[in-house]
Amino acid sequence: MITMEKSYEYLSGKTKVQVVDELGRKSEFSSSVWVYVLKIDIFNKKTILYIYFDGEVVTHTKLVKVSEI
């Protein structure tokens, strides 16, 4: 289960297989960036986790809150 209280920097250095084991299947992806929608609140504000890869290994993560217009 994905929770907002976690810091996702611990994923740095892990492989794509290890990320799937930790977080489950991804919502959206390309070969170098995976996107997980972690939360959608009652105002349709989304909390999104971006995971960046170099080949098969995580280089860094970014947590973003987005409001729909």
PDB file of N, CA and C in Angstrom:
ATOM      1  N   MET A   1       0.839  -1.194   0.000  1.00  0.00           N
ATOM      2  CA  MET A   1       0.000   0.000   0.000  1.00  0.00           C
ATOM      3  C   MET A   1       0.877   1.248   0.000  1.00  0.00           C
ATOM      4  N   ILE A   2       0.556   2.215  -0.808  1.00  0.00           N
ATOM      5  CA  ILE A   2       1.306   3.453  -0.890  1.00  0.00           C
ATOM      6  C   ILE A   2       0.705   4.442   0.098  1.00  0.00           C
ATOM      7  N   THR A   3       1.549   5.045   0.925  1.00  0.00           N
ATOM      8  CA  THR A   3       1.064   6.050   1.872  1.00  0.00           C
ATOM      9  C   THR A   3       1.845   7.336   1.690  1.00  0.00           C
ATOM     10  N   MET A   4       1.212   8.455   2.003  1.00  0.00           N
ATOM     11  CA  MET A   4       1.832   9.758   1.827  1.00  0.00           C
ATOM     12  C   MET A   4       2.900  10.053   2.871  1.00  0.00           C
ATOM     13  N   GLU A   5       2.858   9.377   4.003  1.00  0.00           N
ATOM     14  CA  GLU A   5       3.803   9.662   5.061  1.00  0.00           C
ATOM     15  C   GLU A   5       5.221   9.211   4.712  1.00  0.00           C
ATOM     16  N   LYS A   6       5.336   8.343   3.749  1.00  0.00           N
ATOM     17  CA  LYS A   6       6.643   7.809   3.378  1.00  0.00           C
ATOM     18  C   LYS A   6       7.464   8.818   2.600  1.00  0.00           C
ATOM     19  N   SER A   7       8.759   8.738   2.756  1.00  0.00           N
ATOM     20  CA  SER A   7       9.687   9.411   1.859  1.00  0.00           C
ATOM     21  C   SER A   7      10.057   8.379   0.803  1.00  0.00           C
ATOM     22  N   TYR A   8      10.063   8.778  -0.425  1.00  0.00           N
ATOM     23  CA  TYR A   8      10.304   7.822  -1.507  1.00  0.00           C
ATOM     24  C   TYR A   8      11.740   7.815  -2.002  1.00  0.00           C
ATOM     25  N   GLU A   9      12.606   8.590  -1.377  1.00  0.00           N
ATOM     26  CA  GLU A   9      14.017   8.591  -1.775  1.00  0.00           C
ATOM     27  C   GLU A   9      14.680   7.238  -1.527  1.00  0.00           C
ATOM     28  N   TYR A  10      14.097   6.424  -0.642  1.00  0.00           N
ATOM     29  CA  TYR A  10      14.651   5.089  -0.396  1.00  0.00           C
ATOM     30  C   TYR A  10      14.620   4.223  -1.656  1.00  0.00           C
ATOM     31  N   LEU A  11      13.836   4.628  -2.656  1.00  0.00           N
ATOM     32  CA  LEU A  11      13.773   3.868  -3.904  1.00  0.00           C
ATOM     33  C   LEU A  11      15.009   4.066  -4.776  1.00  0.00           C
ATOM     34  N   SER A  12      15.773   5.124  -4.531  1.00  0.00           N
ATOM     35  CA  SER A  12      16.984   5.382  -5.328  1.00  0.00           C
ATOM     36  C   SER A  12      17.906   4.167  -5.271  1.00  0.00           C
ATOM     37  N   GLY A  13      18.368   3.753  -6.458  1.00  0.00           N
ATOM     38  CA  GLY A  13      19.259   2.604  -6.543  1.00  0.00           C
ATOM     39  C   GLY A  13      18.541   1.280  -6.735  1.00  0.00           C
ATOM     40  N   LYS A  14      17.219   1.255  -6.584  1.00  0.00           N
ATOM     41  CA  LYS A  14      16.468   0.012  -6.768  1.00  0.00           C
ATOM     42  C   LYS A  14      16.152  -0.194  -8.245  1.00  0.00           C
ATOM     43  N   THR A  15      15.893  -1.435  -8.607  1.00  0.00           N
ATOM     44  CA  THR A  15      15.542  -1.777  -9.984  1.00  0.00           C
ATOM     45  C   THR A  15      14.043  -1.639 -10.193  1.00  0.00           C
ATOM     46  N   LYS A  16      13.622  -1.682 -11.457  1.00  0.00           N
ATOM     47  CA  LYS A  16      12.194  -1.604 -11.781  1.00  0.00           C
ATOM     48  C   LYS A  16      11.423  -2.751 -11.131  1.00  0.00           C
ATOM     49  N   VAL A  17      11.996  -3.940 -11.124  1.00  0.00           N
ATOM     50  CA  VAL A  17      11.345  -5.098 -10.497  1.00  0.00           C
ATOM     51  C   VAL A  17      11.160  -4.851  -8.998  1.00  0.00           C
ATOM     52  N   GLN A  18      12.167  -4.302  -8.345  1.00  0.00           N
ATOM     53  CA  GLN A  18      12.068  -4.010  -6.915  1.00  0.00           C
ATOM     54  C   GLN A  18      11.015  -2.937  -6.632  1.00  0.00           C
ATOM     55  N   VAL A  19      10.900  -1.943  -7.514  1.00  0.00           N
ATOM     56  CA  VAL A  19       9.883  -0.900  -7.342  1.00  0.00           C
ATOM     57  C   VAL A  19       8.489  -1.507  -7.444  1.00  0.00           C
ATOM     58  N   VAL A  20       8.262  -2.372  -8.420  1.00  0.00           N
ATOM     59  CA  VAL A  20       6.963  -3.037  -8.556  1.00  0.00           C
ATOM     60  C   VAL A  20       6.678  -3.882  -7.324  1.00  0.00           C
ATOM     61  N   ASP A  21       7.684  -4.564  -6.781  1.00  0.00           N
ATOM     62  CA  ASP A  21       7.501  -5.345  -5.556  1.00  0.00           C
ATOM     63  C   ASP A  21       7.094  -4.459  -4.382  1.00  0.00           C
ATOM     64  N   GLU A  22       7.665  -3.253  -4.301  1.00  0.00           N
ATOM     65  CA  GLU A  22       7.388  -2.311  -3.211  1.00  0.00           C
ATOM     66  C   GLU A  22       6.041  -1.614  -3.359  1.00  0.00           C
ATOM     67  N   LEU A  23       5.753  -1.106  -4.576  1.00  0.00           N
ATOM     68  CA  LEU A  23       4.610  -0.214  -4.777  1.00  0.00           C
ATOM     69  C   LEU A  23       3.479  -0.807  -5.603  1.00  0.00           C
ATOM     70  N   GLY A  24       3.703  -1.941  -6.222  1.00  0.00           N
ATOM     71  CA  GLY A  24       2.690  -2.511  -7.102  1.00  0.00           C
ATOM     72  C   GLY A  24       2.854  -1.990  -8.518  1.00  0.00           C
ATOM     73  N   ARG A  25       1.895  -2.300  -9.348  1.00  0.00           N
ATOM     74  CA  ARG A  25       1.947  -1.876 -10.751  1.00  0.00           C
ATOM     75  C   ARG A  25       1.830  -0.370 -10.864  1.00  0.00           C
ATOM     76  N   LYS A  26       2.480   0.174 -11.865  1.00  0.00           N
ATOM     77  CA  LYS A  26       2.476   1.629 -12.062  1.00  0.00           C
ATOM     78  C   LYS A  26       1.210   2.092 -12.754  1.00  0.00           C
ATOM     79  N   SER A  27       0.872   3.366 -12.545  1.00  0.00           N
ATOM     80  CA  SER A  27      -0.305   3.952 -13.193  1.00  0.00           C
ATOM     81  C   SER A  27      -0.004   4.312 -14.635  1.00  0.00           C
ATOM     82  N   GLU A  28       1.062   5.065 -14.845  1.00  0.00           N
ATOM     83  CA  GLU A  28       1.486   5.484 -16.179  1.00  0.00           C
ATOM     84  C   GLU A  28       3.001   5.365 -16.223  1.00  0.00           C
ATOM     85  N   PHE A  29       3.531   5.147 -17.415  1.00  0.00           N
ATOM     86  CA  PHE A  29       4.975   4.971 -17.479  1.00  0.00           C
ATOM     87  C   PHE A  29       5.520   5.230 -18.869  1.00  0.00           C
ATOM     88  N   SER A  30       6.794   5.507 -18.881  1.00  0.00           N
ATOM     89  CA  SER A  30       7.607   5.427 -20.085  1.00  0.00           C
ATOM     90  C   SER A  30       8.790   4.579 -19.652  1.00  0.00           C
ATOM     91  N   SER A  31       9.757   4.398 -20.489  1.00  0.00           N
ATOM     92  CA  SER A  31      10.882   3.570 -20.075  1.00  0.00           C
ATOM     93  C   SER A  31      11.734   4.253 -19.011  1.00  0.00           C
ATOM     94  N   SER A  32      11.719   5.599 -18.986  1.00  0.00           N
ATOM     95  CA  SER A  32      12.598   6.301 -18.042  1.00  0.00           C
ATOM     96  C   SER A  32      11.867   7.007 -16.910  1.00  0.00           C
ATOM     97  N   VAL A  33      10.535   7.144 -17.005  1.00  0.00           N
ATOM     98  CA  VAL A  33       9.775   7.794 -15.937  1.00  0.00           C
ATOM     99  C   VAL A  33       8.499   6.998 -15.675  1.00  0.00           C
ATOM    100  N   TRP A  34       8.286   6.642 -14.406  1.00  0.00           N
ATOM    101  CA  TRP A  34       7.047   5.990 -14.002  1.00  0.00           C
ATOM    102  C   TRP A  34       6.265   6.966 -13.148  1.00  0.00           C
ATOM    103  N   VAL A  35       4.935   6.913 -13.253  1.00  0.00           N
ATOM    104  CA  VAL A  35       4.066   7.832 -12.526  1.00  0.00           C
ATOM    105  C   VAL A  35       3.060   7.031 -11.711  1.00  0.00           C
ATOM    106  N   TYR A  36       2.993   7.323 -10.416  1.00  0.00           N
ATOM    107  CA  TYR A  36       2.000   6.731  -9.533  1.00  0.00           C
ATOM    108  C   TYR A  36       1.112   7.850  -8.997  1.00  0.00           C
ATOM    109  N   VAL A  37      -0.203   7.723  -9.154  1.00  0.00           N
ATOM    110  CA  VAL A  37      -1.134   8.648  -8.509  1.00  0.00           C
ATOM    111  C   VAL A  37      -1.383   8.091  -7.116  1.00  0.00           C
ATOM    112  N   LEU A  38      -0.907   8.815  -6.107  1.00  0.00           N
ATOM    113  CA  LEU A  38      -0.970   8.329  -4.742  1.00  0.00           C
ATOM    114  C   LEU A  38      -2.285   8.663  -4.059  1.00  0.00           C
ATOM    115  N   LYS A  39      -2.846   9.840  -4.399  1.00  0.00           N
ATOM    116  CA  LYS A  39      -4.036  10.300  -3.692  1.00  0.00           C
ATOM    117  C   LYS A  39      -4.801  11.279  -4.575  1.00  0.00           C
ATOM    118  N   ILE A  40      -6.128  11.212  -4.502  1.00  0.00           N
ATOM    119  CA  ILE A  40      -6.995  12.212  -5.110  1.00  0.00           C
ATOM    120  C   ILE A  40      -7.972  12.631  -4.024  1.00  0.00           C
ATOM    121  N   ASP A  41      -7.958  13.939  -3.663  1.00  0.00           N
ATOM    122  CA  ASP A  41      -8.830  14.386  -2.582  1.00  0.00           C
ATOM    123  C   ASP A  41     -10.197  14.800  -3.116  1.00  0.00           C
ATOM    124  N   ILE A  42     -11.060  15.270  -2.237  1.00  0.00           N
ATOM    125  CA  ILE A  42     -12.432  15.591  -2.627  1.00  0.00           C
ATOM    126  C   ILE A  42     -12.516  16.786  -3.580  1.00  0.00           C
ATOM    127  N   PHE A  43     -11.459  17.585  -3.658  1.00  0.00           N
ATOM    128  CA  PHE A  43     -11.409  18.714  -4.577  1.00  0.00           C
ATOM    129  C   PHE A  43     -10.673  18.359  -5.866  1.00  0.00           C
ATOM    130  N   ASN A  44     -10.437  17.069  -6.079  1.00  0.00           N
ATOM    131  CA  ASN A  44      -9.761  16.522  -7.249  1.00  0.00           C
ATOM    132  C   ASN A  44      -8.287  16.924  -7.327  1.00  0.00           C
ATOM    133  N   LYS A  45      -7.690  17.279  -6.188  1.00  0.00           N
ATOM    134  CA  LYS A  45      -6.250  17.558  -6.138  1.00  0.00           C
ATOM    135  C   LYS A  45      -5.531  16.210  -6.049  1.00  0.00           C
ATOM    136  N   LYS A  46      -4.557  16.010  -6.943  1.00  0.00           N
ATOM    137  CA  LYS A  46      -3.837  14.741  -6.997  1.00  0.00           C
ATOM    138  C   LYS A  46      -2.449  14.894  -6.396  1.00  0.00           C
ATOM    139  N   THR A  47      -2.032  13.858  -5.701  1.00  0.00           N
ATOM    140  CA  THR A  47      -0.651  13.753  -5.248  1.00  0.00           C
ATOM    141  C   THR A  47      -0.017  12.669  -6.106  1.00  0.00           C
ATOM    142  N   ILE A  48       1.043  13.059  -6.817  1.00  0.00           N
ATOM    143  CA  ILE A  48       1.647  12.180  -7.821  1.00  0.00           C
ATOM    144  C   ILE A  48       3.110  11.939  -7.486  1.00  0.00           C
ATOM    145  N   LEU A  49       3.521  10.689  -7.594  1.00  0.00           N
ATOM    146  CA  LEU A  49       4.916  10.299  -7.415  1.00  0.00           C
ATOM    147  C   LEU A  49       5.515  10.003  -8.778  1.00  0.00           C
ATOM    148  N   TYR A  50       6.577  10.718  -9.117  1.00  0.00           N
ATOM    149  CA  TYR A  50       7.341  10.452 -10.337  1.00  0.00           C
ATOM    150  C   TYR A  50       8.608   9.707  -9.934  1.00  0.00           C
ATOM    151  N   ILE A  51       8.887   8.618 -10.626  1.00  0.00           N
ATOM    152  CA  ILE A  51      10.104   7.838 -10.378  1.00  0.00           C
ATOM    153  C   ILE A  51      10.920   7.847 -11.665  1.00  0.00           C
ATOM    154  N   TYR A  52      12.148   8.341 -11.571  1.00  0.00           N
ATOM    155  CA  TYR A  52      13.032   8.492 -12.735  1.00  0.00           C
ATOM    156  C   TYR A  52      14.068   7.374 -12.750  1.00  0.00           C
ATOM    157  N   PHE A  53      14.276   6.804 -13.931  1.00  0.00           N
ATOM    158  CA  PHE A  53      15.199   5.687 -14.097  1.00  0.00           C
ATOM    159  C   PHE A  53      16.315   6.034 -15.068  1.00  0.00           C
ATOM    160  N   ASP A  54      17.467   5.436 -14.825  1.00  0.00           N
ATOM    161  CA  ASP A  54      18.558   5.387 -15.792  1.00  0.00           C
ATOM    162  C   ASP A  54      18.702   3.916 -16.123  1.00  0.00           C
ATOM    163  N   GLY A  55      18.175   3.513 -17.267  1.00  0.00           N
ATOM    164  CA  GLY A  55      18.127   2.087 -17.595  1.00  0.00           C
ATOM    165  C   GLY A  55      17.110   1.401 -16.701  1.00  0.00           C
ATOM    166  N   GLU A  56      17.563   0.476 -15.886  1.00  0.00           N
ATOM    167  CA  GLU A  56      16.688  -0.286 -14.993  1.00  0.00           C
ATOM    168  C   GLU A  56      16.739   0.194 -13.548  1.00  0.00           C
ATOM    169  N   VAL A  57      17.515   1.238 -13.258  1.00  0.00           N
ATOM    170  CA  VAL A  57      17.769   1.638 -11.872  1.00  0.00           C
ATOM    171  C   VAL A  57      17.196   3.035 -11.596  1.00  0.00           C
ATOM    172  N   VAL A  58      16.550   3.192 -10.419  1.00  0.00           N
ATOM    173  CA  VAL A  58      15.985   4.480 -10.015  1.00  0.00           C
ATOM    174  C   VAL A  58      17.112   5.472  -9.739  1.00  0.00           C
ATOM    175  N   THR A  59      17.009   6.660 -10.334  1.00  0.00           N
ATOM    176  CA  THR A  59      17.982   7.718 -10.065  1.00  0.00           C
ATOM    177  C   THR A  59      17.465   8.686  -9.010  1.00  0.00           C
ATOM    178  N   HIS A  60      16.162   9.039  -9.104  1.00  0.00           N
ATOM    179  CA  HIS A  60      15.565   9.911  -8.099  1.00  0.00           C
ATOM    180  C   HIS A  60      14.045   9.874  -8.207  1.00  0.00           C
ATOM    181  N   THR A  61      13.386  10.459  -7.201  1.00  0.00           N
ATOM    182  CA  THR A  61      11.933  10.530  -7.184  1.00  0.00           C
ATOM    183  C   THR A  61      11.503  11.972  -6.959  1.00  0.00           C
ATOM    184  N   LYS A  62      10.241  12.258  -7.312  1.00  0.00           N
ATOM    185  CA  LYS A  62       9.695  13.596  -7.108  1.00  0.00           C
ATOM    186  C   LYS A  62       8.223  13.453  -6.740  1.00  0.00           C
ATOM    187  N   LEU A  63       7.798  14.100  -5.660  1.00  0.00           N
ATOM    188  CA  LEU A  63       6.419  14.087  -5.203  1.00  0.00           C
ATOM    189  C   LEU A  63       5.797  15.438  -5.529  1.00  0.00           C
ATOM    190  N   VAL A  64       4.649  15.439  -6.240  1.00  0.00           N
ATOM    191  CA  VAL A  64       4.029  16.678  -6.727  1.00  0.00           C
ATOM    192  C   VAL A  64       2.538  16.656  -6.405  1.00  0.00           C
ATOM    193  N   LYS A  65       2.003  17.818  -5.995  1.00  0.00           N
ATOM    194  CA  LYS A  65       0.561  17.982  -5.837  1.00  0.00           C
ATOM    195  C   LYS A  65       0.044  18.819  -6.994  1.00  0.00           C
ATOM    196  N   VAL A  66      -1.003  18.340  -7.647  1.00  0.00           N
ATOM    197  CA  VAL A  66      -1.540  18.979  -8.843  1.00  0.00           C
ATOM    198  C   VAL A  66      -3.015  19.229  -8.657  1.00  0.00           C
ATOM    199  N   SER A  67      -3.466  20.453  -8.972  1.00  0.00           N
ATOM    200  CA  SER A  67      -4.889  20.781  -8.964  1.00  0.00           C
ATOM    201  C   SER A  67      -5.423  20.733 -10.378  1.00  0.00           C
ATOM    202  N   GLU A  68      -6.562  20.087 -10.557  1.00  0.00           N
ATOM    203  CA  GLU A  68      -7.216  20.058 -11.862  1.00  0.00           C
ATOM    204  C   GLU A  68      -7.906  21.395 -12.080  1.00  0.00           C
ATOM    205  N   ILE A  69      -7.898  21.862 -13.306  1.00  0.00           N
ATOM    206  CA  ILE A  69      -8.564  23.138 -13.623  1.00  0.00           C
ATOM    207  C   ILE A  69      -9.881  22.857 -14.299  1.00  0.00           C
TER     208      ILE A  69
END
